[in-house]
Amino acid sequence: MLHTILRLPDVLRQRGKSRSAHYLDIQRGLYTKPIKIGERASGWPENEVEAQNAARIAAKTKEEIRALVLKLEAARKAAS
């Protein structure tokens, strides 16, 4: 299975949010934390970005999105 990692500019473009709003969502538990892909590089798995965007399109509540974020981050740990 091929896993694509998206860098910040791609994630922001897909989300339609500013950098500061994106990182504020991460602090509030409304978006997954980035993963390290290098010493000075990070990104987000494309499948997680798609799942979170789909939840917003489906008008999920903040609580439902927080639950999705926790589920996605738990899946990362289970996969490693």
N, C-alpha and C. Protein backbone atom coordinates (compact mmCIF):
# COMPACT_ATOMS: atom_id res chain seq x y z
N MET A 1 0.84 -1.18 0.00
CA MET A 1 0.00 0.00 0.00
C MET A 1 0.89 1.24 0.00
N LEU A 2 0.58 2.17 -0.88
CA LEU A 2 1.35 3.41 -1.01
C LEU A 2 0.78 4.48 -0.09
N HIS A 3 1.64 5.07 0.70
CA HIS A 3 1.22 6.15 1.61
C HIS A 3 1.89 7.43 1.16
N THR A 4 1.10 8.45 0.92
CA THR A 4 1.62 9.74 0.50
C THR A 4 1.62 10.69 1.69
N ILE A 5 2.71 11.41 1.87
CA ILE A 5 2.83 12.40 2.93
C ILE A 5 2.74 13.77 2.27
N LEU A 6 1.82 14.58 2.76
CA LEU A 6 1.64 15.94 2.23
C LEU A 6 2.37 16.93 3.12
N ARG A 7 3.06 17.85 2.49
CA ARG A 7 3.75 18.91 3.23
C ARG A 7 2.74 20.03 3.51
N LEU A 8 3.13 20.94 4.38
CA LEU A 8 2.24 22.00 4.86
C LEU A 8 1.57 22.81 3.74
N PRO A 9 2.29 23.29 2.72
CA PRO A 9 1.59 24.08 1.69
C PRO A 9 0.44 23.32 1.02
N ASP A 10 0.62 22.02 0.79
CA ASP A 10 -0.44 21.22 0.19
C ASP A 10 -1.62 21.06 1.13
N VAL A 11 -1.33 20.84 2.41
CA VAL A 11 -2.39 20.68 3.40
C VAL A 11 -3.19 21.98 3.53
N LEU A 12 -2.49 23.11 3.60
CA LEU A 12 -3.18 24.40 3.72
C LEU A 12 -4.04 24.67 2.49
N ARG A 13 -3.54 24.33 1.32
CA ARG A 13 -4.31 24.53 0.09
C ARG A 13 -5.58 23.68 0.10
N GLN A 14 -5.46 22.43 0.54
CA GLN A 14 -6.63 21.56 0.59
C GLN A 14 -7.63 22.00 1.66
N ARG A 15 -7.13 22.53 2.74
CA ARG A 15 -8.00 22.96 3.84
C ARG A 15 -8.60 24.34 3.62
N GLY A 16 -7.90 25.18 2.87
CA GLY A 16 -8.36 26.55 2.70
C GLY A 16 -8.18 27.39 3.95
N LYS A 17 -7.15 27.06 4.73
CA LYS A 17 -6.89 27.79 5.98
C LYS A 17 -5.50 28.39 5.95
N SER A 18 -5.31 29.38 6.80
CA SER A 18 -3.98 29.97 6.94
C SER A 18 -3.12 29.08 7.83
N ARG A 19 -1.83 29.33 7.80
CA ARG A 19 -0.89 28.57 8.62
C ARG A 19 -1.24 28.71 10.10
N SER A 20 -1.50 29.94 10.54
CA SER A 20 -1.79 30.15 11.97
C SER A 20 -3.10 29.47 12.38
N ALA A 21 -4.12 29.53 11.54
CA ALA A 21 -5.39 28.87 11.85
C ALA A 21 -5.21 27.35 11.88
N HIS A 22 -4.39 26.83 10.99
CA HIS A 22 -4.12 25.39 10.94
C HIS A 22 -3.47 24.92 12.25
N TYR A 23 -2.43 25.63 12.68
CA TYR A 23 -1.75 25.22 13.92
C TYR A 23 -2.61 25.46 15.15
N LEU A 24 -3.50 26.43 15.10
CA LEU A 24 -4.45 26.64 16.20
C LEU A 24 -5.40 25.44 16.29
N ASP A 25 -5.85 24.93 15.13
CA ASP A 25 -6.70 23.74 15.13
C ASP A 25 -5.96 22.55 15.75
N ILE A 26 -4.68 22.41 15.46
CA ILE A 26 -3.89 21.31 16.04
C ILE A 26 -3.86 21.46 17.57
N GLN A 27 -3.61 22.67 18.07
CA GLN A 27 -3.57 22.91 19.51
C GLN A 27 -4.90 22.59 20.16
N ARG A 28 -6.00 22.85 19.47
CA ARG A 28 -7.35 22.62 20.00
C ARG A 28 -7.82 21.18 19.81
N GLY A 29 -6.99 20.34 19.22
CA GLY A 29 -7.37 18.95 19.00
C GLY A 29 -8.29 18.75 17.82
N LEU A 30 -8.35 19.74 16.92
CA LEU A 30 -9.24 19.67 15.77
C LEU A 30 -8.53 19.25 14.49
N TYR A 31 -7.24 18.90 14.60
CA TYR A 31 -6.48 18.42 13.45
C TYR A 31 -5.32 17.60 13.96
N THR A 32 -4.94 16.59 13.21
CA THR A 32 -3.85 15.73 13.63
C THR A 32 -2.53 16.47 13.65
N LYS A 33 -1.64 16.02 14.52
CA LYS A 33 -0.29 16.59 14.59
C LYS A 33 0.52 16.08 13.40
N PRO A 34 1.50 16.85 12.96
CA PRO A 34 2.33 16.38 11.85
C PRO A 34 3.25 15.25 12.28
N ILE A 35 3.73 14.51 11.29
CA ILE A 35 4.72 13.47 11.55
C ILE A 35 6.06 13.94 11.01
N LYS A 36 7.12 13.54 11.66
CA LYS A 36 8.47 13.89 11.20
C LYS A 36 8.83 13.03 10.00
N ILE A 37 9.29 13.67 8.93
CA ILE A 37 9.74 12.92 7.75
C ILE A 37 11.21 13.20 7.47
N GLY A 38 11.81 13.97 8.32
CA GLY A 38 13.22 14.30 8.20
C GLY A 38 13.63 15.11 9.41
N GLU A 39 14.88 15.49 9.44
CA GLU A 39 15.36 16.25 10.59
C GLU A 39 14.65 17.59 10.73
N ARG A 40 14.39 18.24 9.61
CA ARG A 40 13.72 19.54 9.64
C ARG A 40 12.48 19.57 8.76
N ALA A 41 11.86 18.42 8.59
CA ALA A 41 10.69 18.34 7.71
C ALA A 41 9.59 17.53 8.38
N SER A 42 8.36 17.94 8.15
CA SER A 42 7.22 17.20 8.66
C SER A 42 6.09 17.28 7.64
N GLY A 43 5.10 16.43 7.85
CA GLY A 43 3.97 16.40 6.93
C GLY A 43 2.82 15.61 7.54
N TRP A 44 1.78 15.43 6.76
CA TRP A 44 0.58 14.73 7.19
C TRP A 44 0.26 13.63 6.19
N PRO A 45 -0.10 12.44 6.67
CA PRO A 45 -0.52 11.39 5.75
C PRO A 45 -1.76 11.86 4.95
N GLU A 46 -1.72 11.63 3.66
CA GLU A 46 -2.80 12.10 2.79
C GLU A 46 -4.16 11.53 3.19
N ASN A 47 -4.18 10.27 3.62
CA ASN A 47 -5.46 9.67 4.01
C ASN A 47 -6.07 10.38 5.22
N GLU A 48 -5.22 10.88 6.13
CA GLU A 48 -5.73 11.62 7.29
C GLU A 48 -6.30 12.98 6.86
N VAL A 49 -5.60 13.64 5.96
CA VAL A 49 -6.07 14.94 5.45
C VAL A 49 -7.43 14.76 4.79
N GLU A 50 -7.55 13.72 3.97
CA GLU A 50 -8.82 13.46 3.28
C GLU A 50 -9.94 13.15 4.26
N ALA A 51 -9.65 12.35 5.29
CA ALA A 51 -10.67 11.99 6.28
C ALA A 51 -11.14 13.21 7.06
N GLN A 52 -10.20 14.09 7.43
CA GLN A 52 -10.56 15.27 8.19
C GLN A 52 -11.34 16.27 7.32
N ASN A 53 -10.95 16.40 6.06
CA ASN A 53 -11.70 17.28 5.16
C ASN A 53 -13.11 16.74 4.94
N ALA A 54 -13.24 15.43 4.78
CA ALA A 54 -14.56 14.83 4.58
C ALA A 54 -15.45 15.06 5.80
N ALA A 55 -14.88 15.00 6.99
CA ALA A 55 -15.65 15.23 8.22
C ALA A 55 -16.17 16.66 8.26
N ARG A 56 -15.35 17.60 7.82
CA ARG A 56 -15.80 19.00 7.81
C ARG A 56 -16.87 19.22 6.74
N ILE A 57 -16.70 18.60 5.59
CA ILE A 57 -17.70 18.72 4.53
C ILE A 57 -19.02 18.13 4.99
N ALA A 58 -18.96 17.06 5.77
CA ALA A 58 -20.17 16.42 6.30
C ALA A 58 -20.75 17.17 7.50
N ALA A 59 -20.16 18.33 7.82
CA ALA A 59 -20.64 19.19 8.90
C ALA A 59 -20.61 18.49 10.26
N LYS A 60 -19.57 17.72 10.50
CA LYS A 60 -19.41 17.08 11.81
C LYS A 60 -19.15 18.16 12.86
N THR A 61 -19.56 17.88 14.08
CA THR A 61 -19.35 18.82 15.18
C THR A 61 -17.89 18.81 15.60
N LYS A 62 -17.50 19.81 16.39
CA LYS A 62 -16.13 19.86 16.90
C LYS A 62 -15.81 18.62 17.72
N GLU A 63 -16.77 18.15 18.49
CA GLU A 63 -16.56 16.95 19.31
C GLU A 63 -16.34 15.73 18.42
N GLU A 64 -17.10 15.62 17.34
CA GLU A 64 -16.93 14.49 16.42
C GLU A 64 -15.58 14.57 15.70
N ILE A 65 -15.16 15.77 15.37
CA ILE A 65 -13.85 15.94 14.71
C ILE A 65 -12.73 15.62 15.69
N ARG A 66 -12.86 16.04 16.94
CA ARG A 66 -11.85 15.69 17.95
C ARG A 66 -11.74 14.16 18.11
N ALA A 67 -12.89 13.49 18.10
CA ALA A 67 -12.89 12.02 18.20
C ALA A 67 -12.20 11.41 16.99
N LEU A 68 -12.44 11.97 15.80
CA LEU A 68 -11.78 11.48 14.59
C LEU A 68 -10.27 11.68 14.69
N VAL A 69 -9.85 12.84 15.16
CA VAL A 69 -8.41 13.13 15.32
C VAL A 69 -7.78 12.11 16.25
N LEU A 70 -8.41 11.84 17.38
CA LEU A 70 -7.88 10.85 18.32
C LEU A 70 -7.79 9.47 17.68
N LYS A 71 -8.81 9.11 16.91
CA LYS A 71 -8.83 7.81 16.23
C LYS A 71 -7.70 7.72 15.20
N LEU A 72 -7.49 8.78 14.43
CA LEU A 72 -6.43 8.77 13.41
C LEU A 72 -5.06 8.69 14.05
N GLU A 73 -4.84 9.44 15.12
CA GLU A 73 -3.54 9.41 15.79
C GLU A 73 -3.31 8.08 16.48
N ALA A 74 -4.36 7.44 17.00
CA ALA A 74 -4.22 6.11 17.61
C ALA A 74 -3.88 5.08 16.54
N ALA A 75 -4.45 5.23 15.36
CA ALA A 75 -4.15 4.31 14.26
C ALA A 75 -2.70 4.40 13.84
N ARG A 76 -2.12 5.60 13.90
CA ARG A 76 -0.69 5.78 13.61
C ARG A 76 0.16 4.93 14.55
N LYS A 77 -0.17 5.02 15.84
CA LYS A 77 0.60 4.30 16.85
C LYS A 77 0.44 2.79 16.69
N ALA A 78 -0.77 2.35 16.36
CA ALA A 78 -1.02 0.93 16.18
C ALA A 78 -0.29 0.38 14.97
N ALA A 79 -0.08 1.23 13.95
CA ALA A 79 0.59 0.79 12.73
C ALA A 79 2.09 0.68 12.91
N SER A 80 2.63 1.36 13.92
CA SER A 80 4.10 1.35 14.09
C SER A 80 4.59 0.23 14.98
